[in-house]
Amino acid sequence: MKKIKNLSQILLIILFLTSCKSSNNKDSNINNLEEDFNKTTSLDKKRMEVKFSCEENGISDYLNDGWVILKEESQEKICTWKSIPATKDCDMEKDKGCKITKPDRIGEEKIYLLEK
């Protein structure tokens, strides 16, 4: 019985020691990856995402500064909202609960991915 108890303690100690070695190896690999990442990011170009909504257009300012469009997307977007009464007898000034808000003007939102 004593031998089994001693053997189990020895196996437990060996298990702890081997797990520490593997975690040390992982730490050194992570440090190497961080160094490689830092080297590659210093060589990368700058990227930026710009959004313009509802006939607003300022992309020419960025293009004049040397930015290049990599990707362009457009989405439908609500530009303005209007409030209307829910019923004929509704007084929107006195009773705020009878006011319905609806989209008034729908426009387009353009999203540009730029690189310099």
Protein backbone atom coordinates (compact mmCIF):
# COMPACT_ATOMS: atom_id res chain seq x y z
CA MET A 1 0.00 0.00 0.00
CA LYS A 2 2.90 2.32 0.87
CA LYS A 3 4.55 1.58 -2.46
CA ILE A 4 1.41 2.53 -4.36
CA LYS A 5 1.10 5.76 -2.42
CA ASN A 6 4.75 6.67 -3.06
CA LEU A 7 4.45 5.78 -6.73
CA SER A 8 1.36 7.94 -7.15
CA GLN A 9 3.14 10.90 -5.51
CA ILE A 10 6.14 10.48 -7.81
CA LEU A 11 3.88 10.32 -10.88
CA LEU A 12 2.08 13.45 -9.73
CA ILE A 13 5.37 15.35 -9.32
CA ILE A 14 6.55 14.21 -12.77
CA LEU A 15 3.27 15.37 -14.26
CA PHE A 16 3.68 18.86 -12.77
CA LEU A 17 7.29 19.15 -13.95
CA THR A 18 6.51 18.14 -17.52
CA SER A 19 3.58 20.55 -17.77
CA CYS A 20 5.84 23.45 -16.74
CA LYS A 21 8.31 22.67 -19.53
CA SER A 22 5.62 22.74 -22.21
CA SER A 23 4.27 26.10 -21.03
CA ASN A 24 7.77 27.59 -21.21
CA ASN A 25 8.08 26.46 -24.82
CA LYS A 26 4.74 28.06 -25.67
CA ASP A 27 5.82 31.38 -24.14
CA SER A 28 8.96 31.51 -26.27
CA ASN A 29 6.92 30.72 -29.40
CA ILE A 30 4.49 33.53 -28.58
CA ASN A 31 7.37 35.99 -28.14
CA ASN A 32 8.81 34.98 -31.53
CA LEU A 33 5.42 35.45 -33.18
CA GLU A 34 5.05 38.92 -31.64
CA GLU A 35 8.48 39.94 -32.98
CA ASP A 36 7.57 38.69 -36.47
CA PHE A 37 4.25 40.55 -36.33
CA ASN A 38 5.96 43.80 -35.31
CA LYS A 39 8.40 43.48 -38.24
CA THR A 40 5.61 42.92 -40.79
CA THR A 41 3.34 45.69 -39.50
CA SER A 42 6.07 48.29 -39.85
CA LEU A 43 6.25 47.42 -43.57
CA ASP A 44 2.47 47.50 -44.11
CA LYS A 45 0.64 50.43 -45.62
CA LYS A 46 -1.90 52.54 -43.77
CA ARG A 47 -5.56 51.60 -44.17
CA MET A 48 -8.67 53.52 -43.24
CA GLU A 49 -12.44 53.12 -43.60
CA VAL A 50 -14.52 56.22 -44.41
CA LYS A 51 -18.33 56.54 -44.55
CA PHE A 52 -20.42 59.19 -46.33
CA SER A 53 -24.20 59.32 -45.96
CA CYS A 54 -27.13 60.96 -47.73
CA GLU A 55 -25.51 62.62 -50.76
CA GLU A 56 -22.56 63.77 -48.64
CA ASN A 57 -19.37 63.29 -50.64
CA GLY A 58 -15.88 64.07 -49.40
CA ILE A 59 -13.91 61.23 -50.96
CA SER A 60 -12.15 63.62 -53.36
CA ASP A 61 -10.33 65.21 -50.40
CA TYR A 62 -8.86 61.83 -49.48
CA LEU A 63 -7.97 60.99 -53.07
CA ASN A 64 -6.15 64.33 -53.42
CA ASP A 65 -4.12 63.47 -50.29
CA GLY A 66 -2.81 60.30 -51.94
CA TRP A 67 -5.27 57.69 -50.65
CA VAL A 68 -6.34 54.91 -53.03
CA ILE A 69 -9.76 53.21 -52.94
CA LEU A 70 -9.41 49.47 -52.31
CA LYS A 71 -13.08 48.64 -51.79
CA GLU A 72 -16.33 50.53 -52.17
CA GLU A 73 -19.72 49.48 -50.76
CA SER A 74 -23.07 51.21 -50.64
CA GLN A 75 -26.05 50.62 -48.38
CA GLU A 76 -29.49 52.10 -48.12
CA LYS A 77 -29.86 54.45 -45.15
CA ILE A 78 -32.64 56.62 -43.73
CA CYS A 79 -31.59 60.28 -43.92
CA THR A 80 -34.53 62.02 -42.22
CA TRP A 81 -37.54 60.99 -40.13
CA LYS A 82 -41.01 62.50 -39.87
CA SER A 83 -43.66 62.24 -37.18
CA ILE A 84 -47.31 61.71 -38.02
CA PRO A 85 -50.40 61.25 -35.79
CA ALA A 86 -51.51 57.68 -35.29
CA THR A 87 -55.23 58.57 -35.49
CA LYS A 88 -57.30 61.52 -36.74
CA ASP A 89 -58.07 62.69 -33.18
CA CYS A 90 -54.45 62.52 -32.00
CA ASP A 91 -52.87 65.75 -30.71
CA MET A 92 -49.12 65.11 -30.97
CA GLU A 93 -48.26 68.08 -28.70
CA LYS A 94 -50.33 66.83 -25.76
CA ASP A 95 -50.19 63.05 -26.20
CA LYS A 96 -46.72 61.82 -27.16
CA GLY A 97 -47.91 58.20 -27.22
CA CYS A 98 -50.01 58.71 -30.33
CA LYS A 99 -47.07 59.92 -32.44
CA ILE A 100 -45.70 57.57 -35.10
CA THR A 101 -42.23 58.16 -36.52
CA LYS A 102 -41.67 57.13 -40.14
CA PRO A 103 -38.75 57.46 -42.52
CA ASP A 104 -39.06 60.64 -44.59
CA ARG A 105 -36.13 60.54 -46.99
CA ILE A 106 -34.09 57.45 -47.83
CA GLY A 107 -30.59 57.89 -49.19
CA GLU A 108 -27.43 55.94 -49.68
CA GLU A 109 -24.43 55.41 -47.39
CA LYS A 110 -21.12 54.77 -49.15
CA ILE A 111 -18.32 52.99 -47.33
CA TYR A 112 -14.80 53.25 -48.72
CA LEU A 113 -11.74 51.22 -47.70
CA LEU A 114 -8.71 53.41 -48.39
CA GLU A 115 -4.99 52.65 -48.46
CA LYS A 116 -2.03 55.00 -48.52
